[in-house]
Amino acid sequence: MKDQVTIPDVREAIKMAKDITPIMNQAEYLQLVALYARVLERYEKEEYTNGLPDED
């Protein structure tokens, strides 16, 4: 992933999510969960072109 975020970016994103999650309404929370799922799906397609490996 050429445009991967840096560790400081990750730390800032975690801090922002921790700060804002308690004041989110249900719709905002669902949008956050949907974004998480979309990013994870994109990552899986990029990194595991033949599908996810089987768990033992």
PDB file of N, CA and C in Angstrom:
ATOM      1  N   MET A   1       0.843  -1.176   0.000  1.00  0.00           N
ATOM      2  CA  MET A   1       0.000   0.000   0.000  1.00  0.00           C
ATOM      3  C   MET A   1       0.885   1.234   0.000  1.00  0.00           C
ATOM      4  N   LYS A   2       0.928   1.866  -1.134  1.00  0.00           N
ATOM      5  CA  LYS A   2       1.813   3.021  -1.318  1.00  0.00           C
ATOM      6  C   LYS A   2       1.410   4.226  -0.482  1.00  0.00           C
ATOM      7  N   ASP A   3       0.128   4.419  -0.301  1.00  0.00           N
ATOM      8  CA  ASP A   3      -0.341   5.615   0.394  1.00  0.00           C
ATOM      9  C   ASP A   3      -0.788   5.332   1.832  1.00  0.00           C
ATOM     10  N   GLN A   4      -0.153   4.345   2.448  1.00  0.00           N
ATOM     11  CA  GLN A   4      -0.502   3.966   3.821  1.00  0.00           C
ATOM     12  C   GLN A   4      -0.200   5.110   4.791  1.00  0.00           C
ATOM     13  N   VAL A   5      -1.031   5.263   5.792  1.00  0.00           N
ATOM     14  CA  VAL A   5      -0.835   6.329   6.773  1.00  0.00           C
ATOM     15  C   VAL A   5       0.328   5.986   7.704  1.00  0.00           C
ATOM     16  N   THR A   6       0.871   7.013   8.335  1.00  0.00           N
ATOM     17  CA  THR A   6       2.004   6.828   9.237  1.00  0.00           C
ATOM     18  C   THR A   6       1.513   6.451  10.633  1.00  0.00           C
ATOM     19  N   ILE A   7       2.426   5.984  11.466  1.00  0.00           N
ATOM     20  CA  ILE A   7       2.093   5.642  12.849  1.00  0.00           C
ATOM     21  C   ILE A   7       1.520   6.861  13.594  1.00  0.00           C
ATOM     22  N   PRO A   8       2.126   8.054  13.461  1.00  0.00           N
ATOM     23  CA  PRO A   8       1.501   9.211  14.116  1.00  0.00           C
ATOM     24  C   PRO A   8       0.070   9.472  13.632  1.00  0.00           C
ATOM     25  N   ASP A   9      -0.196   9.223  12.341  1.00  0.00           N
ATOM     26  CA  ASP A   9      -1.561   9.369  11.820  1.00  0.00           C
ATOM     27  C   ASP A   9      -2.503   8.369  12.492  1.00  0.00           C
ATOM     28  N   VAL A  10      -2.024   7.145  12.665  1.00  0.00           N
ATOM     29  CA  VAL A  10      -2.835   6.109  13.318  1.00  0.00           C
ATOM     30  C   VAL A  10      -3.160   6.522  14.746  1.00  0.00           C
ATOM     31  N   ARG A  11      -2.159   6.995  15.458  1.00  0.00           N
ATOM     32  CA  ARG A  11      -2.380   7.423  16.846  1.00  0.00           C
ATOM     33  C   ARG A  11      -3.392   8.561  16.918  1.00  0.00           C
ATOM     34  N   GLU A  12      -3.299   9.495  15.998  1.00  0.00           N
ATOM     35  CA  GLU A  12      -4.237  10.625  15.981  1.00  0.00           C
ATOM     36  C   GLU A  12      -5.652  10.150  15.661  1.00  0.00           C
ATOM     37  N   ALA A  13      -5.787   9.217  14.732  1.00  0.00           N
ATOM     38  CA  ALA A  13      -7.111   8.696  14.373  1.00  0.00           C
ATOM     39  C   ALA A  13      -7.742   7.959  15.555  1.00  0.00           C
ATOM     40  N   ILE A  14      -6.952   7.181  16.271  1.00  0.00           N
ATOM     41  CA  ILE A  14      -7.463   6.470  17.448  1.00  0.00           C
ATOM     42  C   ILE A  14      -7.917   7.468  18.508  1.00  0.00           C
ATOM     43  N   LYS A  15      -7.118   8.487  18.726  1.00  0.00           N
ATOM     44  CA  LYS A  15      -7.467   9.515  19.714  1.00  0.00           C
ATOM     45  C   LYS A  15      -8.767  10.219  19.314  1.00  0.00           C
ATOM     46  N   MET A  16      -8.887  10.575  18.043  1.00  0.00           N
ATOM     47  CA  MET A  16     -10.101  11.252  17.579  1.00  0.00           C
ATOM     48  C   MET A  16     -11.321  10.355  17.763  1.00  0.00           C
ATOM     49  N   ALA A  17     -11.190   9.083  17.414  1.00  0.00           N
ATOM     50  CA  ALA A  17     -12.319   8.157  17.546  1.00  0.00           C
ATOM     51  C   ALA A  17     -12.719   7.983  19.010  1.00  0.00           C
ATOM     52  N   LYS A  18     -11.727   7.879  19.892  1.00  0.00           N
ATOM     53  CA  LYS A  18     -12.028   7.742  21.323  1.00  0.00           C
ATOM     54  C   LYS A  18     -12.739   8.980  21.851  1.00  0.00           C
ATOM     55  N   ASP A  19     -12.345  10.151  21.371  1.00  0.00           N
ATOM     56  CA  ASP A  19     -12.938  11.401  21.851  1.00  0.00           C
ATOM     57  C   ASP A  19     -14.369  11.598  21.361  1.00  0.00           C
ATOM     58  N   ILE A  20     -14.640  11.193  20.132  1.00  0.00           N
ATOM     59  CA  ILE A  20     -15.934  11.519  19.541  1.00  0.00           C
ATOM     60  C   ILE A  20     -16.982  10.411  19.683  1.00  0.00           C
ATOM     61  N   THR A  21     -16.565   9.166  19.822  1.00  0.00           N
ATOM     62  CA  THR A  21     -17.523   8.066  19.875  1.00  0.00           C
ATOM     63  C   THR A  21     -18.568   8.222  20.985  1.00  0.00           C
ATOM     64  N   PRO A  22     -18.178   8.649  22.183  1.00  0.00           N
ATOM     65  CA  PRO A  22     -19.201   8.770  23.232  1.00  0.00           C
ATOM     66  C   PRO A  22     -20.301   9.800  22.947  1.00  0.00           C
ATOM     67  N   ILE A  23     -20.059  10.751  22.056  1.00  0.00           N
ATOM     68  CA  ILE A  23     -21.072  11.769  21.785  1.00  0.00           C
ATOM     69  C   ILE A  23     -21.782  11.573  20.452  1.00  0.00           C
ATOM     70  N   MET A  24     -21.474  10.472  19.767  1.00  0.00           N
ATOM     71  CA  MET A  24     -22.125  10.188  18.485  1.00  0.00           C
ATOM     72  C   MET A  24     -23.569   9.760  18.699  1.00  0.00           C
ATOM     73  N   ASN A  25     -24.390  10.075  17.707  1.00  0.00           N
ATOM     74  CA  ASN A  25     -25.731   9.495  17.718  1.00  0.00           C
ATOM     75  C   ASN A  25     -25.676   8.177  16.945  1.00  0.00           C
ATOM     76  N   GLN A  26     -26.778   7.458  16.919  1.00  0.00           N
ATOM     77  CA  GLN A  26     -26.791   6.124  16.300  1.00  0.00           C
ATOM     78  C   GLN A  26     -26.443   6.176  14.812  1.00  0.00           C
ATOM     79  N   ALA A  27     -26.949   7.170  14.083  1.00  0.00           N
ATOM     80  CA  ALA A  27     -26.668   7.273  12.648  1.00  0.00           C
ATOM     81  C   ALA A  27     -25.180   7.524  12.394  1.00  0.00           C
ATOM     82  N   GLU A  28     -24.583   8.390  13.182  1.00  0.00           N
ATOM     83  CA  GLU A  28     -23.153   8.669  13.026  1.00  0.00           C
ATOM     84  C   GLU A  28     -22.317   7.432  13.343  1.00  0.00           C
ATOM     85  N   TYR A  29     -22.727   6.711  14.377  1.00  0.00           N
ATOM     86  CA  TYR A  29     -22.008   5.488  14.737  1.00  0.00           C
ATOM     87  C   TYR A  29     -22.097   4.455  13.606  1.00  0.00           C
ATOM     88  N   LEU A  30     -23.266   4.319  13.023  1.00  0.00           N
ATOM     89  CA  LEU A  30     -23.431   3.373  11.914  1.00  0.00           C
ATOM     90  C   LEU A  30     -22.575   3.768  10.714  1.00  0.00           C
ATOM     91  N   GLN A  31     -22.425   5.070  10.468  1.00  0.00           N
ATOM     92  CA  GLN A  31     -21.552   5.525   9.381  1.00  0.00           C
ATOM     93  C   GLN A  31     -20.098   5.152   9.660  1.00  0.00           C
ATOM     94  N   LEU A  32     -19.675   5.290  10.910  1.00  0.00           N
ATOM     95  CA  LEU A  32     -18.308   4.925  11.285  1.00  0.00           C
ATOM     96  C   LEU A  32     -18.080   3.429  11.091  1.00  0.00           C
ATOM     97  N   VAL A  33     -19.038   2.620  11.509  1.00  0.00           N
ATOM     98  CA  VAL A  33     -18.931   1.169  11.349  1.00  0.00           C
ATOM     99  C   VAL A  33     -18.906   0.794   9.865  1.00  0.00           C
ATOM    100  N   ALA A  34     -19.718   1.471   9.061  1.00  0.00           N
ATOM    101  CA  ALA A  34     -19.745   1.193   7.627  1.00  0.00           C
ATOM    102  C   ALA A  34     -18.414   1.565   6.975  1.00  0.00           C
ATOM    103  N   LEU A  35     -17.834   2.678   7.373  1.00  0.00           N
ATOM    104  CA  LEU A  35     -16.524   3.067   6.850  1.00  0.00           C
ATOM    105  C   LEU A  35     -15.472   2.028   7.214  1.00  0.00           C
ATOM    106  N   TYR A  36     -15.482   1.580   8.448  1.00  0.00           N
ATOM    107  CA  TYR A  36     -14.549   0.547   8.900  1.00  0.00           C
ATOM    108  C   TYR A  36     -14.674  -0.705   8.026  1.00  0.00           C
ATOM    109  N   ALA A  37     -15.900  -1.137   7.795  1.00  0.00           N
ATOM    110  CA  ALA A  37     -16.132  -2.339   6.985  1.00  0.00           C
ATOM    111  C   ALA A  37     -15.649  -2.136   5.554  1.00  0.00           C
ATOM    112  N   ARG A  38     -15.887  -0.948   4.991  1.00  0.00           N
ATOM    113  CA  ARG A  38     -15.477  -0.669   3.608  1.00  0.00           C
ATOM    114  C   ARG A  38     -13.963  -0.673   3.473  1.00  0.00           C
ATOM    115  N   VAL A  39     -13.273  -0.065   4.430  1.00  0.00           N
ATOM    116  CA  VAL A  39     -11.810  -0.030   4.391  1.00  0.00           C
ATOM    117  C   VAL A  39     -11.250  -1.435   4.561  1.00  0.00           C
ATOM    118  N   LEU A  40     -11.807  -2.199   5.493  1.00  0.00           N
ATOM    119  CA  LEU A  40     -11.337  -3.567   5.703  1.00  0.00           C
ATOM    120  C   LEU A  40     -11.548  -4.424   4.458  1.00  0.00           C
ATOM    121  N   GLU A  41     -12.689  -4.251   3.802  1.00  0.00           N
ATOM    122  CA  GLU A  41     -12.969  -5.000   2.572  1.00  0.00           C
ATOM    123  C   GLU A  41     -11.965  -4.643   1.471  1.00  0.00           C
ATOM    124  N   ARG A  42     -11.659  -3.347   1.330  1.00  0.00           N
ATOM    125  CA  ARG A  42     -10.676  -2.925   0.333  1.00  0.00           C
ATOM    126  C   ARG A  42      -9.309  -3.523   0.640  1.00  0.00           C
ATOM    127  N   TYR A  43      -8.917  -3.493   1.894  1.00  0.00           N
ATOM    128  CA  TYR A  43      -7.623  -4.047   2.296  1.00  0.00           C
ATOM    129  C   TYR A  43      -7.555  -5.544   1.990  1.00  0.00           C
ATOM    130  N   GLU A  44      -8.604  -6.266   2.317  1.00  0.00           N
ATOM    131  CA  GLU A  44      -8.624  -7.701   2.054  1.00  0.00           C
ATOM    132  C   GLU A  44      -8.489  -7.993   0.563  1.00  0.00           C
ATOM    133  N   LYS A  45      -9.155  -7.211  -0.277  1.00  0.00           N
ATOM    134  CA  LYS A  45      -9.075  -7.417  -1.723  1.00  0.00           C
ATOM    135  C   LYS A  45      -7.673  -7.118  -2.251  1.00  0.00           C
ATOM    136  N   GLU A  46      -7.015  -6.086  -1.685  1.00  0.00           N
ATOM    137  CA  GLU A  46      -5.670  -5.724  -2.126  1.00  0.00           C
ATOM    138  C   GLU A  46      -4.623  -6.719  -1.655  1.00  0.00           C
ATOM    139  N   GLU A  47      -4.724  -7.144  -0.411  1.00  0.00           N
ATOM    140  CA  GLU A  47      -3.689  -7.970   0.198  1.00  0.00           C
ATOM    141  C   GLU A  47      -3.915  -9.464  -0.002  1.00  0.00           C
ATOM    142  N   TYR A  48      -5.157  -9.880  -0.136  1.00  0.00           N
ATOM    143  CA  TYR A  48      -5.488 -11.295  -0.266  1.00  0.00           C
ATOM    144  C   TYR A  48      -6.308 -11.491  -1.535  1.00  0.00           C
ATOM    145  N   THR A  49      -5.634 -11.390  -2.662  1.00  0.00           N
ATOM    146  CA  THR A  49      -6.349 -11.465  -3.939  1.00  0.00           C
ATOM    147  C   THR A  49      -7.035 -12.802  -4.155  1.00  0.00           C
ATOM    148  N   ASN A  50      -6.569 -13.853  -3.489  1.00  0.00           N
ATOM    149  CA  ASN A  50      -7.187 -15.183  -3.606  1.00  0.00           C
ATOM    150  C   ASN A  50      -8.110 -15.493  -2.431  1.00  0.00           C
ATOM    151  N   GLY A  51      -8.478 -14.491  -1.673  1.00  0.00           N
ATOM    152  CA  GLY A  51      -9.335 -14.684  -0.508  1.00  0.00           C
ATOM    153  C   GLY A  51      -8.510 -14.796   0.762  1.00  0.00           C
ATOM    154  N   LEU A  52      -9.190 -14.652   1.865  1.00  0.00           N
ATOM    155  CA  LEU A  52      -8.514 -14.736   3.158  1.00  0.00           C
ATOM    156  C   LEU A  52      -8.043 -16.163   3.407  1.00  0.00           C
ATOM    157  N   PRO A  53      -6.904 -16.327   4.068  1.00  0.00           N
ATOM    158  CA  PRO A  53      -6.438 -17.680   4.386  1.00  0.00           C
ATOM    159  C   PRO A  53      -7.346 -18.333   5.427  1.00  0.00           C
ATOM    160  N   ASP A  54      -7.408 -19.642   5.395  1.00  0.00           N
ATOM    161  CA  ASP A  54      -8.211 -20.370   6.373  1.00  0.00           C
ATOM    162  C   ASP A  54      -7.584 -20.282   7.756  1.00  0.00           C
ATOM    163  N   GLU A  55      -8.435 -20.153   8.768  1.00  0.00           N
ATOM    164  CA  GLU A  55      -7.942 -20.137  10.143  1.00  0.00           C
ATOM    165  C   GLU A  55      -7.787 -21.574  10.621  1.00  0.00           C
ATOM    166  N   ASP A  56      -6.815 -21.798  11.469  1.00  0.00           N
ATOM    167  CA  ASP A  56      -6.601 -23.154  12.013  1.00  0.00           C
ATOM    168  C   ASP A  56      -7.531 -23.455  13.152  1.00  0.00           C
TER     169      ASP A  56
END
